[in-house]
Amino acid sequence: LGFGFGGFLFTLLGAKIANPHSLPLEGGRFPPEVYAAFPKMLRTLAACYLALGVLASLLVKPAPVAVVAPGTKAPSRAASNDRTFGEAVRHPTFWLLWFVILLAAPAGLNVAAVYKTFALNSKALADDGFLSLAGGLATLCNGLGRVGWAAVSDIIGFKPTFVALALTQVAACMLYNTDAVQASRPLFLFLTCAFLACMGGNFAMFPTACANTFGSTDGATIYSVLFTAFGIASIAAVTLTKELQRVVGWTGVFRLFAGMSGAAALLSTLYK
């Protein structure tokens, strides 16, 4: 929740500093005073992040050492069926999860990066104040999505929850560039929030799936490699959008991400 709430507050703060009067675009550009205020916005946000980072670091403490009761033994790796790092990265399920992330994550990561640029093409949506609010609320939904999707996954399991998430992304991708959404602020806001809630769900569910599959002994190390799929997906989302938007337009871009999300849903059914 802190991740989403922080993004919500700082998105609004940044917009308030850079464009306090919600000045509109003029010939595809903001007025000069918006660009002139941009360095001040960065300095202010950097100071806030530094202060909060230092404060948070002072509150972090190491976890207490587990105490084993006399006469008992701590469970061994063999007894717990935990896999070593080497065993995990050679296991087919590890690479199944890696490719599922690679296919599913770009949809939400793409919208988080380009929703504002995308919306500025629409007269109904091209308002900096509204788009900053939409970004803030969507970021809040990112945090809520992490809690919500993870809770559902704990109840009904990873596979059905992920399939539901991926199909939600498919529907959102197919609707995002329609005339109805381009002409409606509520619909645009709803779908943008849905994208980021799904993005949060992707980040929240896979650590648990990784631990359930390979155990907790080397869980953090194993997940650090699995997480590289998110990094590659982030770069791929922006790069694909930039290159393909000029060739196939926004509709083609979102249909591609819909297909990738659908493929991720199908691939995840192989998870055991």
Protein backbone atom coordinates (compact mmCIF):
# COMPACT_ATOMS: atom_id res chain seq x y z
CA LEU A 1 0.00 0.00 0.00
CA GLY A 2 2.85 2.37 0.76
CA PHE A 3 4.19 1.89 -2.75
CA GLY A 4 0.91 3.00 -4.31
CA PHE A 5 0.12 5.77 -1.83
CA GLY A 6 3.59 7.27 -2.22
CA GLY A 7 3.23 7.33 -5.99
CA PHE A 8 -0.22 8.91 -5.66
CA LEU A 9 1.06 11.75 -3.45
CA PHE A 10 4.25 12.49 -5.38
CA THR A 11 2.54 12.39 -8.77
CA LEU A 12 0.16 15.10 -7.61
CA LEU A 13 2.96 17.06 -5.92
CA GLY A 14 5.11 16.99 -9.06
CA ALA A 15 2.23 18.20 -11.22
CA LYS A 16 1.41 20.96 -8.75
CA ILE A 17 4.98 22.28 -8.89
CA ALA A 18 5.54 21.98 -12.64
CA ASN A 19 2.09 23.02 -13.84
CA PRO A 20 0.11 24.47 -10.92
CA HIS A 21 -2.54 26.05 -13.15
CA SER A 22 -3.02 22.98 -15.41
CA LEU A 23 -1.98 24.97 -18.49
CA PRO A 24 -3.01 23.17 -21.69
CA LEU A 25 -0.85 22.18 -24.64
CA GLU A 26 -0.24 24.82 -27.29
CA GLY A 27 0.74 23.39 -30.68
CA GLY A 28 1.75 20.09 -29.10
CA ARG A 29 3.87 21.72 -26.38
CA PHE A 30 3.26 23.09 -22.92
CA PRO A 31 3.84 26.82 -22.31
CA PRO A 32 7.46 27.77 -21.47
CA GLU A 33 6.74 28.30 -17.77
CA VAL A 34 5.93 24.59 -17.37
CA TYR A 35 9.35 23.57 -18.70
CA ALA A 36 11.02 26.30 -16.63
CA ALA A 37 9.48 24.82 -13.45
CA PHE A 38 10.63 21.29 -14.27
CA PRO A 39 14.09 21.55 -12.58
CA LYS A 40 12.46 22.92 -9.43
CA MET A 41 10.08 19.95 -9.41
CA LEU A 42 13.00 17.49 -9.67
CA ARG A 43 14.91 19.20 -6.84
CA THR A 44 11.85 19.23 -4.59
CA LEU A 45 11.03 15.60 -5.20
CA ALA A 46 14.69 14.59 -4.76
CA ALA A 47 14.79 16.36 -1.38
CA CYS A 48 11.59 14.59 -0.30
CA TYR A 49 12.90 11.20 -1.40
CA LEU A 50 16.21 11.77 0.39
CA ALA A 51 14.54 12.83 3.64
CA LEU A 52 12.10 9.91 3.59
CA GLY A 53 14.84 7.45 2.62
CA VAL A 54 17.06 8.51 5.52
CA LEU A 55 14.15 8.39 7.95
CA ALA A 56 13.09 4.95 6.76
CA SER A 57 16.64 3.59 7.00
CA LEU A 58 16.75 4.59 10.67
CA LEU A 59 13.65 2.51 11.33
CA VAL A 60 14.91 -0.69 9.68
CA LYS A 61 16.18 -3.38 12.06
CA PRO A 62 17.50 -6.89 11.40
CA ALA A 63 15.07 -9.75 11.95
CA PRO A 64 15.54 -11.59 15.26
CA VAL A 65 17.56 -14.79 15.08
CA ALA A 66 15.34 -17.87 15.15
CA VAL A 67 15.72 -19.82 18.38
CA VAL A 68 15.60 -23.62 18.14
CA ALA A 69 14.09 -25.24 21.20
CA PRO A 70 16.36 -27.64 23.13
CA GLY A 71 16.15 -31.19 21.85
CA THR A 72 14.88 -30.20 18.41
CA LYS A 73 16.63 -29.69 15.11
CA ALA A 74 16.09 -27.02 12.50
CA PRO A 75 14.60 -28.58 9.33
CA SER A 76 17.24 -29.44 6.75
CA ARG A 77 17.01 -28.51 3.09
CA ALA A 78 16.34 -32.15 2.20
CA ALA A 79 13.52 -32.41 4.72
CA SER A 80 11.84 -29.25 3.43
CA ASN A 81 12.26 -30.19 -0.29
CA ASP A 82 13.81 -26.78 -0.98
CA ARG A 83 15.81 -26.56 -4.19
CA THR A 84 19.24 -25.00 -4.42
CA PHE A 85 19.81 -21.99 -6.65
CA GLY A 86 21.48 -24.17 -9.29
CA GLU A 87 18.66 -26.72 -9.25
CA ALA A 88 16.04 -24.00 -9.56
CA VAL A 89 17.52 -22.18 -12.56
CA ARG A 90 17.87 -25.51 -14.39
CA HIS A 91 14.28 -26.47 -13.68
CA PRO A 92 11.72 -26.07 -16.53
CA THR A 93 9.20 -24.44 -14.18
CA PHE A 94 11.62 -21.59 -13.48
CA TRP A 95 11.81 -20.72 -17.17
CA LEU A 96 8.07 -21.19 -17.56
CA LEU A 97 7.52 -18.51 -14.89
CA TRP A 98 10.24 -16.33 -16.46
CA PHE A 99 8.56 -16.33 -19.89
CA VAL A 100 5.10 -15.82 -18.36
CA ILE A 101 6.40 -12.63 -16.72
CA LEU A 102 8.09 -11.53 -19.94
CA LEU A 103 4.80 -11.84 -21.83
CA ALA A 104 2.43 -10.45 -19.20
CA ALA A 105 4.33 -7.56 -17.62
CA PRO A 106 4.77 -5.24 -20.66
CA ALA A 107 1.06 -4.29 -20.87
CA GLY A 108 0.96 -2.54 -17.49
CA LEU A 109 4.53 -1.25 -17.70
CA ASN A 110 3.74 0.28 -21.08
CA VAL A 111 0.65 2.12 -19.83
CA ALA A 112 2.53 3.39 -16.77
CA ALA A 113 5.13 4.91 -19.11
CA VAL A 114 2.96 6.29 -21.93
CA TYR A 115 -0.59 6.85 -20.62
CA LYS A 116 -0.11 10.62 -20.61
CA THR A 117 1.44 10.78 -24.09
CA PHE A 118 -1.31 8.50 -25.35
CA ALA A 119 -4.09 10.62 -23.82
CA LEU A 120 -2.76 13.90 -25.18
CA ASN A 121 -3.95 12.79 -28.63
CA SER A 122 -7.56 13.11 -27.44
CA LYS A 123 -9.28 16.47 -26.99
CA ALA A 124 -11.45 15.03 -24.24
CA LEU A 125 -8.47 13.73 -22.25
CA ALA A 126 -5.75 16.31 -22.97
CA ASP A 127 -5.81 18.12 -19.65
CA ASP A 128 -2.68 18.06 -17.52
CA GLY A 129 -4.56 18.36 -14.24
CA PHE A 130 -6.84 15.43 -15.05
CA LEU A 131 -3.97 13.29 -16.35
CA SER A 132 -1.90 13.96 -13.22
CA LEU A 133 -4.86 12.94 -11.07
CA ALA A 134 -5.38 9.86 -13.24
CA GLY A 135 -1.71 8.93 -12.86
CA GLY A 136 -1.87 9.39 -9.10
CA LEU A 137 -5.00 7.26 -8.73
CA ALA A 138 -3.59 4.61 -11.04
CA THR A 139 -0.42 4.46 -8.94
CA LEU A 140 -2.58 4.02 -5.85
CA CYS A 141 -4.33 1.15 -7.64
CA ASN A 142 -0.90 -0.32 -8.34
CA GLY A 143 -0.40 -0.64 -4.59
CA LEU A 144 -3.93 -1.90 -3.98
CA GLY A 145 -3.56 -4.38 -6.83
CA ARG A 146 -0.53 -5.91 -5.14
CA VAL A 147 -2.58 -6.58 -2.02
CA GLY A 148 -5.74 -7.65 -3.83
CA TRP A 149 -4.30 -10.04 -6.42
CA ALA A 150 -1.91 -11.55 -3.85
CA ALA A 151 -4.82 -12.14 -1.43
CA VAL A 152 -6.88 -13.85 -4.16
CA SER A 153 -3.87 -15.95 -5.12
CA ASP A 154 -3.51 -17.11 -1.51
CA ILE A 155 -7.16 -18.19 -1.51
CA ILE A 156 -7.65 -19.88 -4.90
CA GLY A 157 -4.07 -20.46 -6.01
CA PHE A 158 -1.59 -18.88 -8.40
CA LYS A 159 -2.77 -20.40 -11.68
CA PRO A 160 -6.47 -19.32 -11.74
CA THR A 161 -5.61 -15.93 -10.28
CA PHE A 162 -2.96 -15.24 -12.88
CA VAL A 163 -5.23 -16.36 -15.73
CA ALA A 164 -7.87 -13.89 -14.48
CA LEU A 165 -5.27 -11.12 -14.29
CA ALA A 166 -3.92 -11.80 -17.78
CA LEU A 167 -7.42 -11.91 -19.30
CA THR A 168 -8.21 -8.61 -17.57
CA GLN A 169 -5.19 -7.15 -19.33
CA VAL A 170 -6.39 -8.57 -22.66
CA ALA A 171 -9.78 -6.85 -22.25
CA ALA A 172 -8.19 -3.57 -21.16
CA CYS A 173 -5.79 -3.59 -24.12
CA MET A 174 -8.60 -4.19 -26.61
CA LEU A 175 -10.67 -1.33 -25.17
CA TYR A 176 -8.03 1.30 -24.40
CA ASN A 177 -7.82 2.90 -27.85
CA THR A 178 -11.52 2.72 -28.74
CA ASP A 179 -13.48 5.89 -29.51
CA ALA A 180 -15.66 5.40 -26.43
CA VAL A 181 -12.65 5.43 -24.10
CA GLN A 182 -10.96 8.29 -25.95
CA ALA A 183 -14.08 10.39 -25.44
CA SER A 184 -14.70 9.50 -21.78
CA ARG A 185 -12.56 10.53 -18.84
CA PRO A 186 -14.21 8.05 -16.43
CA LEU A 187 -13.62 5.12 -18.79
CA PHE A 188 -10.03 6.17 -19.46
CA LEU A 189 -9.39 6.53 -15.72
CA PHE A 190 -10.97 3.15 -14.99
CA LEU A 191 -8.90 1.29 -17.58
CA THR A 192 -5.66 3.07 -16.64
CA CYS A 193 -6.25 2.08 -13.01
CA ALA A 194 -7.03 -1.49 -14.13
CA PHE A 195 -3.75 -1.71 -16.04
CA LEU A 196 -1.70 -0.58 -13.06
CA ALA A 197 -3.63 -2.78 -10.63
CA CYS A 198 -2.73 -5.73 -12.85
CA MET A 199 0.87 -4.55 -13.02
CA GLY A 200 0.95 -4.55 -9.23
CA GLY A 201 -0.54 -8.03 -9.20
CA ASN A 202 2.23 -9.29 -11.47
CA PHE A 203 4.86 -7.99 -9.07
CA ALA A 204 3.04 -9.40 -6.03
CA MET A 205 2.17 -12.93 -7.13
CA PHE A 206 5.43 -14.20 -8.57
CA PRO A 207 7.56 -14.01 -5.39
CA THR A 208 5.05 -16.31 -3.67
CA ALA A 209 4.87 -18.63 -6.68
CA CYS A 210 8.67 -18.78 -6.69
CA ALA A 211 8.84 -19.60 -2.96
CA ASN A 212 6.07 -22.21 -3.23
CA THR A 213 7.83 -23.88 -6.15
CA PHE A 214 11.47 -23.78 -5.06
CA GLY A 215 11.30 -23.23 -1.30
CA SER A 216 12.48 -20.40 0.89
CA THR A 217 16.08 -21.41 1.65
CA ASP A 218 17.47 -19.81 -1.52
CA GLY A 219 14.20 -18.11 -2.39
CA ALA A 220 15.53 -14.55 -2.49
CA THR A 221 18.48 -15.48 -4.72
CA ILE A 222 16.27 -17.49 -7.07
CA TYR A 223 13.73 -14.69 -7.34
CA SER A 224 16.48 -12.17 -8.07
CA VAL A 225 17.12 -14.02 -11.35
CA LEU A 226 13.41 -14.47 -12.05
CA PHE A 227 13.01 -10.71 -11.58
CA THR A 228 15.24 -10.06 -14.61
CA ALA A 229 12.16 -10.85 -16.72
CA PHE A 230 10.50 -7.73 -15.28
CA GLY A 231 13.55 -5.64 -16.16
CA ILE A 232 13.63 -6.90 -19.74
CA ALA A 233 9.84 -6.48 -20.02
CA SER A 234 10.12 -2.87 -18.85
CA ILE A 235 12.69 -2.02 -21.52
CA ALA A 236 10.81 -4.00 -24.17
CA ALA A 237 7.49 -2.30 -23.40
CA VAL A 238 8.83 1.20 -24.00
CA THR A 239 10.99 0.21 -26.98
CA LEU A 240 8.21 -1.72 -28.72
CA THR A 241 5.74 1.08 -28.17
CA LYS A 242 8.11 3.71 -29.54
CA GLU A 243 8.92 1.73 -32.68
CA LEU A 244 5.54 0.18 -33.40
CA GLN A 245 3.39 3.23 -32.70
CA ARG A 246 4.80 4.92 -35.80
CA VAL A 247 4.11 1.84 -37.94
CA VAL A 248 0.83 0.35 -36.70
CA GLY A 249 -0.53 3.11 -34.46
CA TRP A 250 -1.82 2.84 -30.90
CA THR A 251 -4.41 0.22 -31.84
CA GLY A 252 -1.70 -2.08 -33.18
CA VAL A 253 0.44 -1.52 -30.09
CA PHE A 254 -2.32 -2.46 -27.67
CA ARG A 255 -3.39 -5.44 -29.77
CA LEU A 256 0.18 -6.72 -29.56
CA PHE A 257 0.14 -6.43 -25.76
CA ALA A 258 -3.29 -8.08 -25.69
CA GLY A 259 -1.86 -11.02 -27.64
CA MET A 260 1.14 -11.24 -25.32
CA SER A 261 -1.11 -11.24 -22.25
CA GLY A 262 -3.30 -13.93 -23.80
CA ALA A 263 -0.23 -16.03 -24.55
CA ALA A 264 0.91 -15.60 -20.93
CA ALA A 265 -2.48 -16.85 -19.72
CA LEU A 266 -2.20 -19.96 -21.90
CA LEU A 267 1.40 -20.61 -20.90
CA SER A 268 0.59 -20.27 -17.19
CA THR A 269 -1.83 -23.22 -17.41
CA LEU A 270 1.26 -25.45 -17.69
CA TYR A 271 2.41 -24.36 -14.20
CA LYS A 272 2.27 -27.11 -11.59
